[in-house]
Amino acid sequence: MSPRTRPPRGAVLARAELRAAGVHPRRLASSEFTDVFSGHVTPSSDPAPLFDIADVLVRARLPGALLSHTTAAELCDLPLPDHARYATGGTLHVTVPAADRRRAGPQVTTHRLSNPGQTAREPLPTVGMPALLCGLATMLSTEEMVLVLDHLMGPAAEHRRRSRDEIWRFASIGAPMPGKARLRQALWRARPDVPSGIHTRIRRFFHLAGVPPPVENLSLATDIPGISVRVDFAYPESRIGILWTDSSNSPRSRRGARRREADLLQLGWIVLHLSLADLDDPQGFVAVFRAASRTRRAAA
């Protein structure tokens, strides 16, 4: 490979093969390449995806190892916070038997577990779901684990879906495993059949903001017989309704939201709007909500 030859885009490349192709050590040590694990690099300008990096890791570098923790969770499409997602050159996680002392460089954290199991339906070798969730619980907060469990018990999980009873059984019985205590704490807060991660984020938002949990999807009768209005999040005692405004940007959705707001105002409700921006920065919404609550208490 001449100095002007560019390496394949999006590839995981063995250092030994690049050297044999004529790539100078100084070039390999430059910012053109990023180490992904011992003996292997990827082009920095167009790096390999996590799937390909993990595939080469467990097939060529650590055969017999199982992907685990946040690496396995991301490959299984479980919802992870940004800080736990893989960035090129970042940390990869694998689990090996307790007696296995192999290592794959500073980019790979090797966990040792006597019986991690293995998930049969994943395209790459992955620890079983009990070990995956327990390992994940050692790295995420309880609130972040609730997001994972809501997803896993909901329709979006597809073939990975697990019931609350299944998760509770392996979180409560069997051999001790790091993360089990936090997994049980998160399971108390998680809910089955949550439609999407947004619903979990909204529930988490109310909890962290110190706002009482609302009634979800409340249906109210209007002044027109047979016609009702749906409130996404409601406080019936104080007649405060919250409409989720970022579910769709279509004109039809916006018209529907305006009609729902008009119906609620006609019924004497205070109407607030909650958006994705509020989930990221809740202070403004919380201030408005508390002002609405004070208004209701003053009028009582």
Protein backbone atom coordinates (compact mmCIF):
# COMPACT_ATOMS: atom_id res chain seq x y z
CA MET A 1 0.00 0.00 0.00
CA SER A 2 1.64 3.20 -1.16
CA PRO A 3 1.62 6.35 1.01
CA ARG A 4 -1.05 7.83 -1.23
CA THR A 5 -3.29 4.77 -1.07
CA ARG A 6 -6.21 5.21 1.25
CA PRO A 7 -7.26 2.28 3.43
CA PRO A 8 -10.72 0.80 2.87
CA ARG A 9 -13.43 3.02 4.32
CA GLY A 10 -15.34 1.75 7.33
CA ALA A 11 -13.04 -1.24 7.80
CA VAL A 12 -11.36 -2.91 10.77
CA LEU A 13 -7.74 -3.39 9.75
CA ALA A 14 -5.03 -5.55 11.30
CA ARG A 15 -1.82 -3.61 11.94
CA ALA A 16 0.27 -6.59 10.78
CA GLU A 17 -1.52 -6.68 7.43
CA LEU A 18 -1.10 -2.93 6.94
CA ARG A 19 2.60 -3.19 7.72
CA ALA A 20 2.93 -6.09 5.25
CA ALA A 21 1.20 -3.92 2.63
CA GLY A 22 3.84 -1.24 3.07
CA VAL A 23 2.21 1.21 5.48
CA HIS A 24 4.96 2.94 7.45
CA PRO A 25 4.80 2.74 11.29
CA ARG A 26 4.72 6.56 11.49
CA ARG A 27 1.61 6.60 9.34
CA LEU A 28 0.00 3.92 11.49
CA ALA A 29 0.78 6.00 14.58
CA SER A 30 -0.69 9.16 13.03
CA SER A 31 -4.23 10.54 13.44
CA GLU A 32 -5.17 8.82 10.17
CA PHE A 33 -5.92 5.65 12.17
CA THR A 34 -7.67 4.97 15.47
CA ASP A 35 -6.89 1.94 17.62
CA VAL A 36 -10.03 -0.09 18.30
CA PHE A 37 -8.34 -2.93 20.18
CA SER A 38 -4.95 -4.59 20.36
CA GLY A 39 -3.46 -5.08 16.89
CA HIS A 40 -6.39 -3.54 15.00
CA VAL A 41 -7.21 -0.05 13.77
CA THR A 42 -9.86 1.72 11.71
CA PRO A 43 -9.64 4.82 9.50
CA SER A 44 -10.32 7.86 11.70
CA SER A 45 -12.10 9.79 8.94
CA ASP A 46 -14.51 6.93 8.14
CA PRO A 47 -14.43 4.44 11.01
CA ALA A 48 -15.96 0.99 11.09
CA PRO A 49 -19.36 0.64 12.79
CA LEU A 50 -19.59 -0.97 16.20
CA PHE A 51 -21.02 -4.19 14.75
CA ASP A 52 -17.98 -4.77 12.54
CA ILE A 53 -15.51 -3.87 15.29
CA ALA A 54 -17.22 -6.22 17.75
CA ASP A 55 -17.38 -8.97 15.12
CA VAL A 56 -13.62 -8.90 14.50
CA LEU A 57 -12.94 -8.65 18.25
CA VAL A 58 -14.81 -11.85 19.19
CA ARG A 59 -14.01 -13.74 15.97
CA ALA A 60 -10.34 -12.96 15.38
CA ARG A 61 -8.90 -11.41 18.55
CA LEU A 62 -10.81 -13.09 21.41
CA PRO A 63 -12.55 -16.17 19.99
CA GLY A 64 -14.96 -17.62 22.53
CA ALA A 65 -15.53 -14.31 24.32
CA LEU A 66 -19.07 -12.96 24.60
CA LEU A 67 -20.07 -9.34 24.08
CA SER A 68 -21.56 -7.87 27.23
CA HIS A 69 -22.50 -4.76 29.22
CA THR A 70 -23.05 -1.57 27.20
CA THR A 71 -21.46 -3.05 24.07
CA ALA A 72 -23.99 -5.89 23.93
CA ALA A 73 -26.84 -3.57 24.92
CA GLU A 74 -26.09 -1.17 22.07
CA LEU A 75 -25.86 -4.02 19.57
CA CYS A 76 -29.20 -5.32 20.88
CA ASP A 77 -30.78 -1.89 20.29
CA LEU A 78 -31.51 -1.30 23.96
CA PRO A 79 -31.91 2.42 24.75
CA LEU A 80 -28.72 3.82 26.25
CA PRO A 81 -27.82 7.35 27.37
CA ASP A 82 -25.28 9.12 25.19
CA HIS A 83 -22.49 8.68 27.74
CA ALA A 84 -22.84 4.89 27.53
CA ARG A 85 -22.85 4.57 23.73
CA TYR A 86 -19.75 3.51 21.85
CA ALA A 87 -17.46 6.08 20.26
CA THR A 88 -14.66 4.95 17.95
CA GLY A 89 -11.63 4.10 20.03
CA GLY A 90 -13.74 3.94 23.19
CA THR A 91 -14.31 1.04 25.55
CA LEU A 92 -15.63 -2.32 24.40
CA HIS A 93 -16.95 -4.90 26.86
CA VAL A 94 -16.66 -8.68 26.69
CA THR A 95 -17.22 -11.46 29.23
CA VAL A 96 -15.09 -14.60 29.41
CA PRO A 97 -14.95 -17.60 31.78
CA ALA A 98 -13.37 -16.95 35.15
CA ALA A 99 -10.16 -18.82 34.26
CA ASP A 100 -9.63 -16.97 30.95
CA ARG A 101 -6.82 -14.41 31.37
CA ARG A 102 -6.66 -13.11 27.79
CA ARG A 103 -6.66 -9.38 27.16
CA ALA A 104 -7.13 -7.27 24.05
CA GLY A 105 -5.61 -3.94 24.94
CA PRO A 106 -6.74 -0.89 26.90
CA GLN A 107 -9.83 -0.39 24.71
CA VAL A 108 -11.36 -3.70 25.85
CA THR A 109 -12.67 -4.29 29.36
CA THR A 110 -12.71 -8.02 30.00
CA HIS A 111 -15.22 -9.22 32.61
CA ARG A 112 -15.04 -12.69 34.10
CA LEU A 113 -18.11 -14.70 35.01
CA SER A 114 -18.51 -18.40 35.70
CA ASN A 115 -21.80 -18.87 33.84
CA PRO A 116 -22.81 -15.88 31.70
CA GLY A 117 -25.03 -17.90 29.38
CA GLN A 118 -25.42 -16.93 25.73
CA THR A 119 -28.25 -15.35 23.77
CA ALA A 120 -29.15 -17.64 20.89
CA ARG A 121 -30.86 -15.25 18.49
CA GLU A 122 -28.27 -12.49 18.25
CA PRO A 123 -26.03 -12.27 15.16
CA LEU A 124 -22.91 -11.88 17.32
CA PRO A 125 -22.00 -13.98 20.40
CA THR A 126 -23.62 -12.19 23.32
CA VAL A 127 -24.07 -13.02 26.99
CA GLY A 128 -27.48 -14.19 28.06
CA MET A 129 -30.07 -11.58 28.94
CA PRO A 130 -29.71 -12.05 32.74
CA ALA A 131 -25.96 -11.37 32.57
CA LEU A 132 -26.47 -8.55 30.08
CA LEU A 133 -28.95 -6.71 32.31
CA CYS A 134 -26.99 -7.27 35.50
CA GLY A 135 -23.81 -6.05 33.83
CA LEU A 136 -25.63 -3.05 32.44
CA ALA A 137 -26.98 -2.24 35.89
CA THR A 138 -23.41 -1.87 37.18
CA MET A 139 -22.81 0.92 34.63
CA LEU A 140 -26.11 2.82 34.47
CA SER A 141 -28.13 4.68 37.08
CA THR A 142 -31.42 3.24 38.32
CA GLU A 143 -33.33 5.77 36.22
CA GLU A 144 -31.37 4.81 33.11
CA MET A 145 -32.09 1.15 33.79
CA VAL A 146 -35.82 1.92 33.99
CA LEU A 147 -35.61 3.16 30.41
CA VAL A 148 -33.96 -0.11 29.35
CA LEU A 149 -36.50 -2.27 31.18
CA ASP A 150 -39.50 -0.34 29.87
CA HIS A 151 -38.20 -0.98 26.37
CA LEU A 152 -37.48 -4.64 27.02
CA MET A 153 -40.99 -5.27 28.39
CA GLY A 154 -42.68 -3.31 25.60
CA PRO A 155 -43.67 -4.01 21.99
CA ALA A 156 -40.59 -2.30 20.52
CA ALA A 157 -38.29 -5.03 21.89
CA GLU A 158 -39.62 -7.57 19.34
CA HIS A 159 -37.89 -10.98 19.74
CA ARG A 160 -35.88 -9.72 22.74
CA ARG A 161 -39.03 -8.91 24.71
CA ARG A 162 -39.17 -10.21 28.27
CA SER A 163 -42.00 -10.21 30.80
CA ARG A 164 -41.69 -8.60 34.22
CA ASP A 165 -41.91 -12.06 35.82
CA GLU A 166 -39.02 -13.37 33.72
CA ILE A 167 -36.79 -10.46 34.65
CA TRP A 168 -37.82 -10.64 38.30
CA ARG A 169 -36.99 -14.35 38.48
CA PHE A 170 -33.43 -14.02 37.28
CA ALA A 171 -32.93 -10.80 39.28
CA SER A 172 -34.04 -12.47 42.50
CA ILE A 173 -32.83 -16.07 42.38
CA GLY A 174 -29.75 -17.94 41.28
CA ALA A 175 -26.10 -17.23 41.89
CA PRO A 176 -25.03 -13.77 43.05
CA MET A 177 -24.12 -11.47 40.19
CA PRO A 178 -22.92 -7.84 40.22
CA GLY A 179 -25.76 -5.47 39.41
CA LYS A 180 -28.64 -7.59 40.66
CA ALA A 181 -29.61 -5.19 43.45
CA ARG A 182 -29.82 -2.19 41.12
CA LEU A 183 -31.68 -4.27 38.54
CA ARG A 184 -34.33 -5.11 41.14
CA GLN A 185 -34.64 -1.44 42.14
CA ALA A 186 -35.18 -0.43 38.53
CA LEU A 187 -37.71 -3.20 37.96
CA TRP A 188 -39.92 -1.80 40.74
CA ARG A 189 -40.13 1.46 38.74
CA ALA A 190 -40.43 -0.05 35.27
CA ARG A 191 -43.74 -0.68 33.50
CA PRO A 192 -44.72 -3.34 30.99
CA ASP A 193 -46.19 -2.53 27.56
CA VAL A 194 -44.83 1.03 27.38
CA PRO A 195 -45.26 2.04 23.70
CA SER A 196 -41.93 3.83 23.28
CA GLY A 197 -38.89 5.24 25.01
CA ILE A 198 -40.41 8.72 24.86
CA HIS A 199 -43.12 7.60 27.30
CA THR A 200 -40.46 6.39 29.71
CA ARG A 201 -38.52 9.65 29.39
CA ILE A 202 -41.67 11.62 30.17
CA ARG A 203 -42.40 9.52 33.27
CA ARG A 204 -38.77 9.92 34.36
CA PHE A 205 -39.06 13.66 33.70
CA PHE A 206 -41.96 14.04 36.14
CA HIS A 207 -40.17 11.99 38.77
CA LEU A 208 -36.85 13.88 38.59
CA ALA A 209 -38.61 17.25 38.46
CA GLY A 210 -40.40 16.50 41.73
CA VAL A 211 -43.78 16.77 40.01
CA PRO A 212 -46.54 14.36 41.15
CA PRO A 213 -47.21 11.57 38.63
CA PRO A 214 -50.11 12.50 36.34
CA VAL A 215 -52.97 10.38 35.03
CA GLU A 216 -52.02 9.29 31.51
CA ASN A 217 -54.39 9.37 28.52
CA LEU A 218 -57.41 10.61 30.45
CA SER A 219 -60.61 10.82 28.41
CA LEU A 220 -63.02 13.65 29.34
CA ALA A 221 -66.58 14.09 28.19
CA THR A 222 -67.20 17.43 26.44
CA ASP A 223 -70.38 19.52 26.27
CA ILE A 224 -71.28 17.73 23.05
CA PRO A 225 -72.96 14.36 23.74
CA GLY A 226 -70.83 11.43 22.64
CA ILE A 227 -67.71 13.55 22.08
CA SER A 228 -64.71 13.27 24.40
CA VAL A 229 -61.28 14.89 24.55
CA ARG A 230 -58.09 13.04 25.40
CA VAL A 231 -55.57 14.57 27.81
CA ASP A 232 -52.06 13.13 27.48
CA PHE A 233 -51.16 13.86 31.12
CA ALA A 234 -53.79 15.09 33.51
CA TYR A 235 -54.26 16.30 37.09
CA PRO A 236 -58.06 15.94 37.39
CA GLU A 237 -58.31 17.36 40.93
CA SER A 238 -56.77 20.68 39.87
CA ARG A 239 -57.99 20.49 36.24
CA ILE A 240 -54.53 20.91 34.77
CA GLY A 241 -53.96 19.15 31.46
CA ILE A 242 -50.62 18.62 29.71
CA LEU A 243 -50.49 18.00 25.96
CA TRP A 244 -47.45 16.36 24.40
CA THR A 245 -46.56 18.52 21.40
CA ASP A 246 -43.64 16.70 19.76
CA SER A 247 -45.30 13.44 18.80
CA SER A 248 -45.72 14.65 15.22
CA ASN A 249 -45.11 17.79 13.18
CA SER A 250 -47.84 17.12 10.65
CA PRO A 251 -50.49 19.84 10.04
CA ARG A 252 -53.17 17.30 10.96
CA SER A 253 -51.53 16.66 14.33
CA ARG A 254 -51.19 20.39 15.05
CA ARG A 255 -54.86 20.96 14.19
CA GLY A 256 -55.86 18.10 16.49
CA ALA A 257 -53.81 19.55 19.35
CA ARG A 258 -55.43 22.96 18.90
CA ARG A 259 -58.89 21.39 18.98
CA ARG A 260 -58.04 19.46 22.13
CA GLU A 261 -56.72 22.63 23.77
CA ALA A 262 -59.88 24.54 22.85
CA ASP A 263 -62.09 21.76 24.27
CA LEU A 264 -60.12 21.68 27.53
CA LEU A 265 -60.24 25.45 27.93
CA GLN A 266 -64.00 25.30 27.36
CA LEU A 267 -64.21 22.80 30.22
CA GLY A 268 -62.29 25.17 32.49
CA TRP A 269 -58.97 23.36 32.42
CA ILE A 270 -55.53 24.98 32.43
CA VAL A 271 -53.60 23.64 29.43
CA LEU A 272 -49.80 23.25 29.38
CA HIS A 273 -47.62 21.93 26.59
CA LEU A 274 -44.69 19.54 27.05
CA SER A 275 -42.00 19.07 24.38
CA LEU A 276 -38.73 17.25 23.82
CA ALA A 277 -36.89 20.47 24.66
CA ASP A 278 -38.57 20.46 28.09
CA LEU A 279 -37.34 16.90 28.74
CA ASP A 280 -33.77 18.08 28.17
CA ASP A 281 -34.20 21.30 30.19
CA PRO A 282 -37.15 20.96 32.62
CA GLN A 283 -36.78 24.16 34.65
CA GLY A 284 -39.04 26.31 32.49
CA PHE A 285 -41.85 23.77 32.33
CA VAL A 286 -41.65 23.03 36.06
CA ALA A 287 -41.95 26.76 36.84
CA VAL A 288 -45.04 27.05 34.64
CA PHE A 289 -46.58 23.93 36.15
CA ARG A 290 -46.08 25.16 39.70
CA ALA A 291 -47.54 28.56 38.80
CA ALA A 292 -50.62 26.80 37.39
CA SER A 293 -50.92 24.74 40.57
CA ARG A 294 -50.74 27.89 42.73
CA THR A 295 -53.46 29.47 40.59
CA ARG A 296 -55.73 26.49 41.20
CA ARG A 297 -55.06 26.45 44.94
CA ALA A 298 -55.77 30.19 45.18
CA ALA A 299 -59.07 29.76 43.36
CA ALA A 300 -60.17 26.86 45.53
